[in-house]
């Protein structure tokens, strides 16, 4: 292929979240390499960032799970996009719009790539069939080794088409040396923080992310050592009013009103990590990557994660650091006593140890989980299927 290719990514909604962020990141990689980046989705808060990266949004009813919309309306809409925009390759990142994209790609004869972002519940044959579209790509990208094993276990025929490309952290954005004191102070003031150590749990408010699990742990920790910490639950409610009400009851029942704050969405996560003494990700179900843990280590912050899914592979100590010196730990996800002990120990971790090991943590993320690495590997996939030269 001699012309710069046009790549169409397809997702439900261009709003907050790992899938959406990855879509914008890859759009930036495409345009930086001279290609054209299109995204078919419902508009959301990341549209300005997509456009700033040189990408273009093509509106699509991507959130719909209505079979008629998926198989007919959206499939026809994507087919029309492919033909009118001269799309060379379609890259789908979510199940419902992936079915539409698969139909459109097959009708037009363009290559079809999928990225498997989630573990996806697979209860029953119908759900297994619905999920199977994510393994139908000419190349199937798994966002971790854990996810790759999951894909191949469910879809043995996809083994030779499946490859791992870890999610990428923007190392320029998540760089503690570039976060100004003014940005940190602005967040601290908005959230009305005091001088106690700050623990952050950066995840949308949903049960499997572990907020309701960790609050009793923090209650026990307060009884053991007093109100010597501030825990921030950072993340969107996303309409889960009943769960949010449950979290508020747990905060009250465990006498945590002076220690825990729900602060909602944060648009300056590097500053949030910078003001933190520790980052915890107590997920109660498998994470298929572990973006928050990777970002936290890029910022040189002590990080505690659960033992499910891909998080252990993200925070594993590099070969040149002794495990007892490493600033990340994997905790059994459902062991409240172990979480309490690990948090208590991390709160008293010597600052000298953190400062000594932080550069190793950043180097690990840069080498294995950086945005540049993810972008180059994804462009290599496009090059392989199209015969172009987007990658360096």
Protein backbone atom coordinates (compact mmCIF):
# COMPACT_ATOMS: atom_id res chain seq x y z
CA UNK A 1 0.00 0.00 0.00
CA UNK A 2 1.47 3.33 -1.04
CA UNK A 3 -1.11 5.75 0.36
CA UNK A 4 -1.43 6.56 4.04
CA UNK A 5 -4.09 4.19 5.38
CA UNK A 6 -7.40 5.17 6.93
CA UNK A 7 -8.14 3.21 10.11
CA UNK A 8 -11.65 3.09 11.58
CA UNK A 9 -11.91 2.17 15.27
CA UNK A 10 -15.36 1.19 16.54
CA UNK A 11 -16.49 1.53 20.17
CA UNK A 12 -19.82 2.19 21.91
CA UNK A 13 -19.18 5.64 23.38
CA UNK A 14 -16.24 8.04 23.38
CA UNK A 15 -16.41 8.86 27.07
CA UNK A 16 -14.24 7.94 30.08
CA UNK A 17 -12.79 4.47 30.53
CA UNK A 18 -9.91 2.26 29.49
CA UNK A 19 -11.35 1.24 26.13
CA UNK A 20 -12.10 4.84 25.24
CA UNK A 21 -8.72 6.10 26.39
CA UNK A 22 -6.95 3.40 24.41
CA UNK A 23 -8.96 4.35 21.32
CA UNK A 24 -7.82 7.97 21.53
CA UNK A 25 -4.23 6.88 22.19
CA UNK A 26 -4.15 4.68 19.10
CA UNK A 27 -5.78 7.42 17.03
CA UNK A 28 -2.90 9.68 18.06
CA UNK A 29 -0.38 7.00 17.04
CA UNK A 30 -2.07 6.60 13.65
CA UNK A 31 -2.08 10.31 12.86
CA UNK A 32 1.47 10.81 14.14
CA UNK A 33 2.58 8.09 11.70
CA UNK A 34 0.83 9.83 8.81
CA UNK A 35 -2.35 7.78 8.71
CA UNK A 36 -5.96 8.90 9.07
CA UNK A 37 -7.79 8.01 12.28
CA UNK A 38 -11.57 7.69 12.41
CA UNK A 39 -13.67 6.57 15.37
CA UNK A 40 -17.28 5.38 15.08
CA UNK A 41 -19.05 5.88 18.41
CA UNK A 42 -21.57 7.92 20.32
CA UNK A 43 -20.12 11.31 21.32
CA UNK A 44 -18.69 11.73 24.83
CA UNK A 45 -16.21 13.76 26.84
CA UNK A 46 -13.15 12.45 24.97
CA UNK A 47 -14.21 13.88 21.59
CA UNK A 48 -12.08 17.05 22.05
CA UNK A 49 -9.04 14.90 22.85
CA UNK A 50 -9.66 12.75 19.79
CA UNK A 51 -9.86 15.83 17.60
CA UNK A 52 -6.77 17.34 19.23
CA UNK A 53 -4.94 14.11 18.34
CA UNK A 54 -5.94 14.57 14.70
CA UNK A 55 -8.75 12.01 14.74
CA UNK A 56 -12.36 12.38 13.64
CA UNK A 57 -15.57 11.10 15.23
CA UNK A 58 -18.19 9.48 13.01
CA UNK A 59 -21.44 9.30 15.01
CA UNK A 60 -22.83 5.79 15.55
CA UNK A 61 -25.46 4.39 17.89
CA UNK A 62 -22.71 2.31 19.41
CA UNK A 63 -24.22 1.79 22.86
CA UNK A 64 -27.30 0.05 21.48
CA UNK A 65 -27.66 -3.66 22.20
CA UNK A 66 -30.85 -3.97 20.17
CA UNK A 67 -30.26 -6.89 17.74
CA UNK A 68 -31.91 -5.03 14.86
CA UNK A 69 -29.70 -1.98 15.43
CA UNK A 70 -26.55 -4.10 15.72
CA UNK A 71 -27.13 -6.40 12.77
CA UNK A 72 -28.86 -4.02 10.38
CA UNK A 73 -28.78 -0.30 11.15
CA UNK A 74 -25.26 -0.07 12.56
CA UNK A 75 -23.84 -2.64 10.16
CA UNK A 76 -25.16 -0.59 7.23
CA UNK A 77 -23.91 2.64 8.81
CA UNK A 78 -20.38 1.26 9.23
CA UNK A 79 -20.42 -0.20 5.72
CA UNK A 80 -21.30 3.26 4.41
CA UNK A 81 -18.47 4.79 6.45
CA UNK A 82 -16.00 2.30 5.00
CA UNK A 83 -17.06 3.05 1.44
CA UNK A 84 -17.46 6.83 1.70
CA UNK A 85 -14.35 7.46 3.82
CA UNK A 86 -12.06 5.01 2.03
CA UNK A 87 -11.44 2.97 5.17
CA UNK A 88 -8.65 0.42 4.80
CA UNK A 89 -9.03 -1.46 8.11
CA UNK A 90 -11.65 -1.72 10.85
CA UNK A 91 -10.57 -2.16 14.48
CA UNK A 92 -13.38 -3.09 16.91
CA UNK A 93 -12.99 -2.83 20.68
CA UNK A 94 -16.38 -3.79 22.15
CA UNK A 95 -18.82 -6.60 21.50
CA UNK A 96 -22.08 -5.04 20.30
CA UNK A 97 -20.52 -2.64 17.78
CA UNK A 98 -17.97 -5.35 16.89
CA UNK A 99 -20.77 -7.47 15.42
CA UNK A 100 -21.81 -4.50 13.28
CA UNK A 101 -18.21 -3.85 12.30
CA UNK A 102 -17.58 -7.52 11.42
CA UNK A 103 -20.56 -7.59 9.08
CA UNK A 104 -19.50 -4.34 7.43
CA UNK A 105 -15.87 -5.42 7.10
CA UNK A 106 -16.81 -8.72 5.50
CA UNK A 107 -19.17 -7.00 3.07
CA UNK A 108 -16.49 -4.56 1.98
CA UNK A 109 -13.51 -6.90 2.11
CA UNK A 110 -11.38 -4.81 4.47
CA UNK A 111 -9.28 -6.39 7.25
CA UNK A 112 -10.95 -6.72 10.65
CA UNK A 113 -8.99 -6.41 13.92
CA UNK A 114 -10.34 -6.79 17.44
CA UNK A 115 -8.93 -5.85 20.82
CA UNK A 116 -10.12 -8.02 23.70
CA UNK A 117 -10.35 -5.56 26.62
CA UNK A 118 -12.59 -7.42 29.07
CA UNK A 119 -12.96 -10.83 30.69
CA UNK A 120 -16.66 -10.92 29.70
CA UNK A 121 -19.00 -13.19 31.61
CA UNK A 122 -19.58 -16.37 29.60
CA UNK A 123 -22.66 -17.92 31.22
CA UNK A 124 -24.60 -19.95 28.70
CA UNK A 125 -24.27 -20.61 24.98
CA UNK A 126 -25.95 -17.38 23.90
CA UNK A 127 -23.52 -15.25 25.92
CA UNK A 128 -20.58 -17.30 24.66
CA UNK A 129 -21.73 -16.69 21.09
CA UNK A 130 -22.18 -12.97 21.75
CA UNK A 131 -18.64 -12.78 23.17
CA UNK A 132 -17.13 -14.79 20.31
CA UNK A 133 -17.10 -11.83 17.94
CA UNK A 134 -14.09 -10.46 19.80
CA UNK A 135 -12.10 -13.54 18.70
CA UNK A 136 -13.10 -13.25 15.04
CA UNK A 137 -10.52 -10.65 14.05
CA UNK A 138 -7.96 -11.37 11.37
CA UNK A 139 -5.69 -10.49 14.27
CA UNK A 140 -6.99 -10.59 17.85
CA UNK A 141 -5.17 -8.26 20.25
CA UNK A 142 -5.27 -9.21 23.93
CA UNK A 143 -4.42 -6.45 26.40
CA UNK A 144 -2.46 -8.78 28.71
CA UNK A 145 -1.10 -12.32 28.88
CA UNK A 146 -4.00 -13.12 31.20
CA UNK A 147 -6.48 -11.97 28.55
CA UNK A 148 -4.68 -13.89 25.81
CA UNK A 149 -4.98 -17.12 27.80
CA UNK A 150 -8.66 -16.39 28.35
CA UNK A 151 -9.30 -15.77 24.64
CA UNK A 152 -7.51 -18.91 23.52
CA UNK A 153 -9.15 -21.04 26.22
CA UNK A 154 -12.58 -19.98 24.99
CA UNK A 155 -11.72 -19.86 21.28
CA UNK A 156 -9.01 -22.41 20.46
CA UNK A 157 -9.32 -21.62 16.76
CA UNK A 158 -8.04 -18.10 17.48
CA UNK A 159 -4.72 -19.23 18.98
CA UNK A 160 -2.63 -18.48 15.89
CA UNK A 161 -4.36 -15.12 15.40
CA UNK A 162 -4.02 -13.89 18.99
CA UNK A 163 -1.22 -11.68 20.27
CA UNK A 164 -0.62 -9.67 23.45
CA UNK A 165 -0.20 -5.90 23.35
CA UNK A 166 -0.30 -4.49 26.85
CA UNK A 167 -2.21 -1.29 27.48
CA UNK A 168 -0.01 1.78 27.42
CA UNK A 169 0.66 4.52 29.96
CA UNK A 170 1.42 8.01 28.68
CA UNK A 171 4.84 8.42 30.27
CA UNK A 172 4.95 12.14 29.49
CA UNK A 173 1.65 12.74 31.26
CA UNK A 174 2.25 10.42 34.21
CA UNK A 175 5.58 11.90 35.23
CA UNK A 176 5.91 13.15 38.79
CA UNK A 177 8.58 15.67 37.80
CA UNK A 178 6.07 17.45 35.55
CA UNK A 179 3.26 17.82 38.08
CA UNK A 180 3.50 21.32 39.52
CA UNK A 181 2.84 22.09 43.18
CA UNK A 182 -0.02 24.33 42.01
CA UNK A 183 -1.83 21.39 40.43
CA UNK A 184 -1.42 19.32 43.57
CA UNK A 185 -2.61 22.16 45.77
CA UNK A 186 -5.63 22.76 43.53
CA UNK A 187 -6.82 19.17 44.02
CA UNK A 188 -5.98 19.16 47.72
CA UNK A 189 -7.98 22.33 48.20
CA UNK A 190 -10.94 21.12 46.15
CA UNK A 191 -11.07 17.87 48.11
CA UNK A 192 -10.40 19.61 51.45
CA UNK A 193 -7.50 17.39 52.40
CA UNK A 194 -5.30 17.81 55.45
CA UNK A 195 -1.75 16.67 56.14
CA UNK A 196 -2.54 13.02 56.82
CA UNK A 197 -1.22 10.44 54.30
CA UNK A 198 -3.52 10.09 51.30
CA UNK A 199 -4.56 6.69 49.93
CA UNK A 200 -6.35 6.70 46.59
CA UNK A 201 -8.56 4.06 44.99
CA UNK A 202 -8.93 5.21 41.37
CA UNK A 203 -11.75 3.20 39.82
CA UNK A 204 -15.30 3.83 38.67
CA UNK A 205 -17.82 3.09 41.39
CA UNK A 206 -18.92 -0.46 40.75
CA UNK A 207 -18.91 -3.42 43.12
CA UNK A 208 -16.25 -5.51 41.43
CA UNK A 209 -13.75 -2.66 41.70
CA UNK A 210 -13.70 -3.28 45.43
CA UNK A 211 -14.84 -0.08 47.13
CA UNK A 212 -17.42 -1.90 49.25
CA UNK A 213 -14.85 -4.58 50.10
CA UNK A 214 -12.19 -2.13 51.26
CA UNK A 215 -14.33 0.12 53.46
CA UNK A 216 -14.66 -2.43 56.31
CA UNK A 217 -10.89 -2.94 56.01
CA UNK A 218 -10.37 0.78 56.50
CA UNK A 219 -12.77 0.75 59.44
CA UNK A 220 -10.70 -1.95 61.12
CA UNK A 221 -7.53 -0.04 60.29
CA UNK A 222 -8.91 3.10 61.93
CA UNK A 223 -9.73 1.15 65.09
CA UNK A 224 -6.20 -0.21 65.15
CA UNK A 225 -4.24 2.98 64.44
CA UNK A 226 -6.69 5.86 64.68
CA UNK A 227 -7.73 8.25 61.87
CA UNK A 228 -4.17 8.37 60.52
CA UNK A 229 -5.08 8.32 56.82
CA UNK A 230 -7.36 9.80 54.17
CA UNK A 231 -8.87 7.45 51.58
CA UNK A 232 -10.17 8.97 48.34
CA UNK A 233 -12.60 7.02 46.17
CA UNK A 234 -11.93 8.54 42.76
CA UNK A 235 -14.33 7.61 39.98
CA UNK A 236 -17.64 8.17 38.27
CA UNK A 237 -20.89 6.92 39.79
CA UNK A 238 -22.20 6.07 36.28
CA UNK A 239 -25.77 6.01 37.56
CA UNK A 240 -25.20 3.32 40.20
CA UNK A 241 -27.23 5.12 42.85
CA UNK A 242 -27.94 2.02 44.95
CA UNK A 243 -24.26 1.13 45.14
CA UNK A 244 -23.28 4.69 46.01
CA UNK A 245 -25.88 4.69 48.80
CA UNK A 246 -24.40 1.43 50.06
CA UNK A 247 -20.92 2.96 50.11
CA UNK A 248 -22.21 5.92 52.10
CA UNK A 249 -23.82 3.54 54.62
CA UNK A 250 -20.55 1.62 54.97
CA UNK A 251 -18.66 4.86 55.56
CA UNK A 252 -21.13 5.79 58.31
CA UNK A 253 -21.34 2.29 59.84
CA UNK A 254 -17.55 2.01 60.09
CA UNK A 255 -17.10 5.52 61.48
CA UNK A 256 -15.10 6.64 58.46
CA UNK A 257 -16.65 10.04 57.75
CA UNK A 258 -13.42 11.74 58.81
CA UNK A 259 -11.22 9.37 56.80
CA UNK A 260 -12.98 8.60 53.50
CA UNK A 261 -14.18 10.89 50.72
CA UNK A 262 -16.03 10.14 47.49
CA UNK A 263 -14.61 12.73 45.09
CA UNK A 264 -16.09 11.64 41.76
CA UNK A 265 -14.37 11.95 38.39
CA UNK A 266 -10.91 13.52 38.37
CA UNK A 267 -9.65 15.21 35.21
CA UNK A 268 -6.07 15.53 36.52
CA UNK A 269 -5.07 12.03 37.56
CA UNK A 270 -1.31 12.72 37.47
CA UNK A 271 -1.85 15.31 40.22
CA UNK A 272 -4.04 12.86 42.12
CA UNK A 273 -1.28 10.24 42.05
CA UNK A 274 1.28 12.90 42.98
CA UNK A 275 -0.52 13.85 46.19
CA UNK A 276 -1.04 10.20 47.16
CA UNK A 277 1.12 8.27 49.59
CA UNK A 278 -0.25 4.99 48.28
CA UNK A 279 -2.51 3.61 45.54
CA UNK A 280 -4.76 0.60 46.14
CA UNK A 281 -6.66 -1.40 43.52
CA UNK A 282 -8.62 -4.07 45.47
CA UNK A 283 -10.55 -5.47 42.51
CA UNK A 284 -12.83 -8.37 43.40
CA UNK A 285 -12.97 -9.69 39.86
CA UNK A 286 -10.28 -10.15 37.26
CA UNK A 287 -8.75 -7.04 35.73
CA UNK A 288 -7.68 -7.74 32.16
CA UNK A 289 -4.88 -5.19 32.42
CA UNK A 290 -4.48 -2.90 35.42
CA UNK A 291 -4.15 0.64 34.09
CA UNK A 292 -4.34 2.33 37.48
CA UNK A 293 -1.53 0.19 38.88
CA UNK A 294 0.66 0.90 35.85
CA UNK A 295 0.01 4.65 36.12
CA UNK A 296 0.75 4.61 39.84
CA UNK A 297 4.10 2.86 39.33
CA UNK A 298 4.97 5.25 36.51
CA UNK A 299 4.51 7.99 39.13
CA UNK A 300 6.72 6.07 41.58
CA UNK A 301 3.94 5.39 44.09
CA UNK A 302 3.62 2.35 46.40
CA UNK A 303 0.87 0.23 44.92
CA UNK A 304 -1.25 -2.62 46.28
CA UNK A 305 -3.33 -4.79 43.94
CA UNK A 306 -5.49 -7.90 44.14
CA UNK A 307 -4.35 -11.29 42.89
CA UNK A 308 -6.91 -11.72 40.10
CA UNK A 309 -6.39 -11.30 36.39
CA UNK A 310 -3.52 -9.32 34.88
CA UNK A 311 -2.63 -7.03 37.77
CA UNK A 312 0.09 -9.33 39.14
CA UNK A 313 1.89 -9.28 35.78
CA UNK A 314 1.77 -5.48 35.71
CA UNK A 315 3.27 -4.94 39.20
CA UNK A 316 5.80 -7.80 39.27
CA UNK A 317 9.19 -6.66 40.52
CA UNK A 318 11.87 -6.27 37.83
CA UNK A 319 14.88 -8.54 37.91
CA UNK A 320 17.17 -5.85 39.31
CA UNK A 321 15.06 -5.12 42.41
CA UNK A 322 14.78 -7.40 45.43
CA UNK A 323 11.19 -8.29 46.29
CA UNK A 324 11.53 -6.96 49.85
CA UNK A 325 12.56 -3.56 48.46
CA UNK A 326 9.90 -3.37 45.77
CA UNK A 327 7.11 -0.81 46.24
CA UNK A 328 4.25 -2.91 44.85
CA UNK A 329 2.52 -5.91 46.41
CA UNK A 330 -0.09 -8.44 45.35
CA UNK A 331 -2.69 -9.21 48.04
CA UNK A 332 -5.22 -12.02 48.04
CA UNK A 333 -8.26 -10.15 46.73
CA UNK A 334 -10.77 -11.30 49.36
CA UNK A 335 -8.53 -11.41 52.45
CA UNK A 336 -9.53 -8.39 54.55
CA UNK A 337 -6.90 -9.05 57.21
CA UNK A 338 -4.15 -9.24 54.59
CA UNK A 339 -5.28 -5.97 53.05
CA UNK A 340 -5.34 -4.27 56.44
CA UNK A 341 -1.83 -5.47 57.21
CA UNK A 342 -0.47 -4.50 53.80
CA UNK A 343 -1.96 -0.99 53.96
CA UNK A 344 -0.66 -0.47 57.49
CA UNK A 345 2.84 -1.60 56.48
CA UNK A 346 2.86 0.56 53.36
CA UNK A 347 1.79 3.63 55.35
CA UNK A 348 5.03 3.36 57.35
CA UNK A 349 7.27 2.45 54.40
CA UNK A 350 10.40 4.62 54.68
CA UNK A 351 10.37 7.55 52.26
CA UNK A 352 14.01 6.81 51.44
CA UNK A 353 13.03 3.34 50.17
CA UNK A 354 10.26 4.79 48.01
CA UNK A 355 12.56 7.41 46.50
CA UNK A 356 15.27 4.84 45.85
CA UNK A 357 12.97 2.37 44.08
CA UNK A 358 10.69 4.83 42.25
CA UNK A 359 13.05 5.17 39.24
CA UNK A 360 13.08 1.38 38.81
CA UNK A 361 9.28 1.35 38.86
CA UNK A 362 9.12 4.05 36.22
CA UNK A 363 11.70 2.27 34.07
CA UNK A 364 9.65 -0.95 34.27
CA UNK A 365 6.46 0.76 33.07
CA UNK A 366 8.32 2.62 30.32
CA UNK A 367 9.86 -0.59 28.99
CA UNK A 368 6.82 -2.87 29.18
CA UNK A 369 3.62 -0.85 29.50
CA UNK A 370 4.18 2.51 27.80
CA UNK A 371 1.97 4.29 25.33
CA UNK A 372 4.80 4.34 22.81
CA UNK A 373 5.22 0.56 23.05
CA UNK A 374 1.46 -0.04 22.67
CA UNK A 375 1.22 2.34 19.71
CA UNK A 376 4.15 0.87 17.83
CA UNK A 377 2.98 -2.70 18.31
CA UNK A 378 -0.54 -1.81 17.15
CA UNK A 379 0.78 -0.01 14.08
CA UNK A 380 2.80 -3.15 13.33
CA UNK A 381 -0.48 -5.08 13.26
CA UNK A 382 -1.94 -2.64 10.75
CA UNK A 383 1.25 -2.81 8.67
CA UNK A 384 1.13 -6.60 8.66
CA UNK A 385 -2.44 -6.67 7.34
CA UNK A 386 -2.20 -3.75 4.92
CA UNK A 387 1.39 -3.92 3.71
CA UNK A 388 2.02 -0.32 4.75
CA UNK A 389 4.72 1.27 6.92
CA UNK A 390 3.07 3.12 9.78
CA UNK A 391 5.38 1.75 12.48
CA UNK A 392 8.92 3.06 12.90
